[in-house]
């Protein structure tokens, strides 16, 4: 019996030596059934080590002592429209990481009472993020208009606040309807039917009217001064620059 066991183990060892580690036969010899399927699925997933370094929130060390950092311009909409959705998704997180880094560095420079080099970098990153978001919204609008006939944007309406002044209200989902939500009614007391509010709205509209009239008079006097200084000026160009003034 022991002799048979030794023969079996020796044959098993020799078979292991003949098989290469990277061959397909070796994987079939070691794994069978569901284990092979799980192994194939596991090889499709790429993972990397977790990086807990906080230095990602700071700029490179060679830029810490520099008074000026030369950077490029912001991303334009025309450049973003020709990119795929996957590229826009990656670019968004790159810009988000850059913005967090710049805000962290700005805060650190303020704590040290030093000047932050090239502060326009924050504005360029924000402009790029705004342009990217608008391009994504354009694509979403086009898709929803084609599929459902609607824009897919968050709906809204013109509403009145507590003082009767109009503003654009963006609708949102709520658990309770408004007629059953007492907390909402307590916060949303409408006073624009009272005489004090009507008097306030009268003065407020009068103020807006006077500001618009002063702007029209100021623009008209400016055009008259231009015509006095330059009597041979082009009337069509003046009319295009000041459409609210009758140049003729």
Protein backbone atom coordinates (compact mmCIF):
# COMPACT_ATOMS: atom_id res chain seq x y z
CA UNK A 1 0.00 0.00 0.00
CA UNK A 2 2.79 2.42 0.92
CA UNK A 3 4.59 1.53 -2.29
CA UNK A 4 1.50 2.52 -4.33
CA UNK A 5 1.23 5.85 -2.49
CA UNK A 6 4.89 6.62 -3.19
CA UNK A 7 4.46 5.80 -6.86
CA UNK A 8 1.43 8.07 -7.07
CA UNK A 9 3.19 11.00 -5.40
CA UNK A 10 6.26 10.60 -7.60
CA UNK A 11 4.13 10.57 -10.75
CA UNK A 12 2.26 13.62 -9.49
CA UNK A 13 5.50 15.53 -8.89
CA UNK A 14 6.82 14.63 -12.31
CA UNK A 15 3.60 15.83 -13.95
CA UNK A 16 3.94 19.15 -12.11
CA UNK A 17 7.47 19.55 -13.42
CA UNK A 18 6.36 18.95 -17.00
CA UNK A 19 3.61 21.56 -16.87
CA UNK A 20 4.56 25.23 -17.08
CA UNK A 21 3.04 27.72 -14.69
CA UNK A 22 1.62 29.92 -17.45
CA UNK A 23 0.09 27.16 -19.57
CA UNK A 24 -3.61 26.62 -19.92
CA UNK A 25 -3.30 22.93 -19.02
CA UNK A 26 -1.80 23.83 -15.67
CA UNK A 27 -4.76 26.07 -14.83
CA UNK A 28 -7.17 23.30 -15.78
CA UNK A 29 -5.18 20.84 -13.70
CA UNK A 30 -5.34 23.04 -10.61
CA UNK A 31 -8.82 24.56 -11.01
CA UNK A 32 -12.00 23.03 -12.29
CA UNK A 33 -15.64 24.03 -12.66
CA UNK A 34 -16.77 27.28 -11.06
CA UNK A 35 -13.25 28.06 -9.80
CA UNK A 36 -12.01 28.64 -13.36
CA UNK A 37 -14.94 30.98 -14.13
CA UNK A 38 -14.31 33.00 -10.98
CA UNK A 39 -10.61 33.20 -11.87
CA UNK A 40 -11.38 34.50 -15.38
CA UNK A 41 -13.75 37.14 -13.98
CA UNK A 42 -11.20 38.20 -11.39
CA UNK A 43 -8.54 38.79 -14.02
CA UNK A 44 -10.80 41.35 -15.77
CA UNK A 45 -10.78 43.64 -12.71
CA UNK A 46 -7.76 45.89 -12.25
CA UNK A 47 -7.06 47.16 -8.76
CA UNK A 48 -4.25 49.27 -7.39
CA UNK A 49 -2.99 49.99 -3.94
CA UNK A 50 -4.79 52.57 -1.82
CA UNK A 51 -2.95 55.88 -1.62
CA UNK A 52 -3.65 57.90 1.53
CA UNK A 53 -1.15 60.69 0.87
CA UNK A 54 -2.41 64.18 1.69
CA UNK A 55 0.22 65.75 -0.55
CA UNK A 56 -2.20 65.36 -3.46
CA UNK A 57 -3.94 68.46 -2.09
CA UNK A 58 -0.76 70.54 -2.48
CA UNK A 59 1.13 71.76 -5.51
CA UNK A 60 4.51 70.43 -6.56
CA UNK A 61 7.36 71.44 -4.28
CA UNK A 62 9.26 73.31 -6.99
CA UNK A 63 6.28 75.69 -7.29
CA UNK A 64 6.18 76.62 -3.61
CA UNK A 65 8.88 79.29 -3.88
CA UNK A 66 7.91 80.64 -7.31
CA UNK A 67 6.25 84.05 -7.60
CA UNK A 68 4.59 83.31 -10.94
CA UNK A 69 3.40 80.08 -12.54
CA UNK A 70 2.72 80.12 -16.27
CA UNK A 71 -0.37 78.15 -17.25
CA UNK A 72 -2.55 77.83 -20.31
CA UNK A 73 -6.03 79.14 -20.96
CA UNK A 74 -9.32 77.59 -19.95
CA UNK A 75 -11.12 74.92 -21.97
CA UNK A 76 -13.50 76.28 -24.60
CA UNK A 77 -16.90 74.84 -25.45
CA UNK A 78 -15.84 74.19 -29.04
CA UNK A 79 -13.00 71.97 -27.80
CA UNK A 80 -15.20 70.12 -25.33
CA UNK A 81 -17.98 69.40 -27.82
CA UNK A 82 -15.74 67.15 -29.93
CA UNK A 83 -14.77 64.95 -26.98
CA UNK A 84 -16.53 61.76 -25.95
CA UNK A 85 -18.56 61.34 -22.79
CA UNK A 86 -15.83 59.20 -21.25
CA UNK A 87 -13.20 61.89 -21.88
CA UNK A 88 -15.46 64.56 -20.39
CA UNK A 89 -16.03 62.38 -17.34
CA UNK A 90 -12.28 61.97 -16.82
CA UNK A 91 -11.60 65.66 -17.47
CA UNK A 92 -14.21 66.66 -14.88
CA UNK A 93 -12.40 64.79 -12.12
CA UNK A 94 -9.05 66.18 -13.26
CA UNK A 95 -10.44 69.72 -13.01
CA UNK A 96 -12.06 68.94 -9.68
CA UNK A 97 -8.76 67.69 -8.28
CA UNK A 98 -6.95 70.75 -9.64
CA UNK A 99 -9.52 73.09 -8.11
CA UNK A 100 -9.22 71.43 -4.69
CA UNK A 101 -5.44 71.70 -4.89
CA UNK A 102 -5.55 75.40 -5.81
CA UNK A 103 -8.03 76.23 -3.05
CA UNK A 104 -5.86 74.39 -0.54
CA UNK A 105 -2.75 76.25 -1.66
CA UNK A 106 -4.57 79.58 -1.57
CA UNK A 107 -5.70 78.92 2.01
CA UNK A 108 -2.18 77.91 3.01
CA UNK A 109 -0.67 81.07 1.50
CA UNK A 110 -3.25 83.18 3.34
CA UNK A 111 -2.38 81.46 6.60
CA UNK A 112 1.31 82.25 6.01
CA UNK A 113 0.45 85.86 5.04
CA UNK A 114 2.06 85.43 1.63
CA UNK A 115 0.90 86.15 -1.91
CA UNK A 116 -0.63 83.26 -3.80
CA UNK A 117 1.21 82.92 -7.16
CA UNK A 118 -0.96 83.23 -10.27
CA UNK A 119 -4.40 83.37 -8.62
CA UNK A 120 -6.04 83.45 -12.05
CA UNK A 121 -5.57 79.68 -12.19
CA UNK A 122 -8.64 79.23 -9.99
CA UNK A 123 -10.77 81.32 -12.36
CA UNK A 124 -9.55 79.34 -15.37
CA UNK A 125 -10.38 76.03 -13.71
CA UNK A 126 -13.84 77.26 -12.71
CA UNK A 127 -14.47 78.55 -16.22
CA UNK A 128 -13.46 75.18 -17.65
CA UNK A 129 -15.80 73.37 -15.27
CA UNK A 130 -18.69 75.68 -16.17
CA UNK A 131 -18.10 75.15 -19.90
CA UNK A 132 -17.86 71.39 -19.42
CA UNK A 133 -21.11 71.30 -17.45
CA UNK A 134 -22.90 73.33 -20.12
CA UNK A 135 -21.67 70.97 -22.85
CA UNK A 136 -22.96 67.96 -20.89
CA UNK A 137 -26.32 69.68 -20.40
CA UNK A 138 -26.50 70.38 -24.13
CA UNK A 139 -26.03 66.68 -24.85
CA UNK A 140 -28.61 65.69 -22.25
CA UNK A 141 -31.12 68.16 -23.69
CA UNK A 142 -30.59 66.86 -27.21
CA UNK A 143 -30.99 63.24 -26.06
CA UNK A 144 -34.16 63.88 -24.05
CA UNK A 145 -35.69 66.01 -26.79
CA UNK A 146 -35.12 63.17 -29.25
CA UNK A 147 -36.43 60.46 -26.93
CA UNK A 148 -39.21 62.14 -24.93
CA UNK A 149 -39.78 65.53 -26.55
CA UNK A 150 -38.78 67.34 -23.32
CA UNK A 151 -35.55 68.97 -22.26
CA UNK A 152 -35.05 66.78 -19.20
CA UNK A 153 -34.03 69.82 -17.17
CA UNK A 154 -35.25 70.47 -13.67
CA UNK A 155 -38.70 72.12 -14.06
CA UNK A 156 -39.38 75.56 -12.66
CA UNK A 157 -41.92 78.34 -12.55
CA UNK A 158 -42.27 82.02 -11.70
CA UNK A 159 -43.47 82.41 -8.10
CA UNK A 160 -43.94 85.18 -5.53
CA UNK A 161 -42.01 85.34 -2.29
CA UNK A 162 -43.34 86.55 1.06
CA UNK A 163 -43.12 90.20 -0.04
CA UNK A 164 -44.76 89.61 -3.39
CA UNK A 165 -41.55 89.93 -5.43
CA UNK A 166 -41.29 87.51 -8.32
CA UNK A 167 -38.48 84.99 -8.67
CA UNK A 168 -37.83 81.77 -10.57
CA UNK A 169 -38.56 78.74 -8.39
CA UNK A 170 -36.97 75.40 -9.27
CA UNK A 171 -39.29 72.52 -8.48
CA UNK A 172 -38.11 69.65 -6.29
CA UNK A 173 -39.52 66.36 -5.06
CA UNK A 174 -41.11 66.31 -1.60
CA UNK A 175 -42.42 63.51 0.58
CA UNK A 176 -45.60 65.37 1.55
CA UNK A 177 -47.81 67.43 -0.76
CA UNK A 178 -47.88 71.16 0.06
CA UNK A 179 -51.48 71.14 1.33
CA UNK A 180 -50.52 68.58 4.03
CA UNK A 181 -47.17 70.04 5.04
CA UNK A 182 -47.74 72.36 8.01
CA UNK A 183 -44.06 73.18 8.34
CA UNK A 184 -44.03 74.44 4.74
CA UNK A 185 -47.09 76.62 5.37
CA UNK A 186 -45.46 78.09 8.49
CA UNK A 187 -42.38 79.08 6.49
CA UNK A 188 -44.26 80.22 3.40
CA UNK A 189 -46.58 82.86 4.80
CA UNK A 190 -47.61 85.12 1.96
CA UNK A 191 -48.04 88.76 2.97
CA UNK A 192 -48.40 90.40 -0.43
CA UNK A 193 -52.15 90.95 0.03
CA UNK A 194 -51.62 93.36 2.93
CA UNK A 195 -51.60 97.11 2.42
CA UNK A 196 -48.08 97.55 3.86
CA UNK A 197 -46.68 95.16 1.29
CA UNK A 198 -48.59 96.85 -1.51
CA UNK A 199 -47.11 100.17 -0.45
CA UNK A 200 -43.63 98.65 -0.41
CA UNK A 201 -44.11 97.19 -3.90
CA UNK A 202 -45.31 100.57 -5.16
CA UNK A 203 -42.16 102.31 -3.93
CA UNK A 204 -39.98 99.48 -5.19
CA UNK A 205 -41.42 99.63 -8.71
CA UNK A 206 -41.11 103.41 -8.67
CA UNK A 207 -37.44 103.06 -7.80
CA UNK A 208 -36.87 100.64 -10.70
CA UNK A 209 -38.69 102.97 -13.08
CA UNK A 210 -36.59 105.98 -12.03
CA UNK A 211 -33.36 104.01 -12.42
CA UNK A 212 -34.31 102.97 -15.96
CA UNK A 213 -35.32 106.52 -16.88
CA UNK A 214 -32.06 107.95 -15.56
CA UNK A 215 -30.14 105.36 -17.58
CA UNK A 216 -32.01 106.35 -20.75
CA UNK A 217 -31.39 110.06 -20.17
CA UNK A 218 -27.72 109.45 -19.40
CA UNK A 219 -27.31 107.39 -22.57
CA UNK A 220 -29.10 110.04 -24.66
CA UNK A 221 -26.88 112.84 -23.32
CA UNK A 222 -23.79 110.75 -24.04
CA UNK A 223 -24.87 110.30 -27.67
CA UNK A 224 -25.49 114.06 -27.99
CA UNK A 225 -21.99 114.79 -26.70
CA UNK A 226 -20.53 112.34 -29.20
CA UNK A 227 -22.39 114.03 -32.07
CA UNK A 228 -21.11 117.44 -30.95
CA UNK A 229 -17.52 116.25 -30.88
CA UNK A 230 -17.77 114.13 -34.02
CA UNK A 231 -20.46 115.54 -36.33
CA UNK A 232 -19.36 113.25 -39.18
CA UNK A 233 -19.82 110.06 -37.15
CA UNK A 234 -21.47 107.03 -38.69
CA UNK A 235 -25.14 107.05 -37.65
CA UNK A 236 -25.63 103.34 -38.23
CA UNK A 237 -22.74 102.45 -35.93
CA UNK A 238 -24.06 104.78 -33.23
CA UNK A 239 -27.52 103.29 -33.54
CA UNK A 240 -26.06 99.79 -33.21
CA UNK A 241 -24.09 100.81 -30.10
CA UNK A 242 -27.03 102.62 -28.49
CA UNK A 243 -30.25 100.93 -29.64
CA UNK A 244 -32.39 102.66 -26.99
CA UNK A 245 -31.55 106.13 -28.36
CA UNK A 246 -33.10 107.57 -31.53
CA UNK A 247 -29.96 108.87 -33.24
CA UNK A 248 -31.80 110.48 -36.16
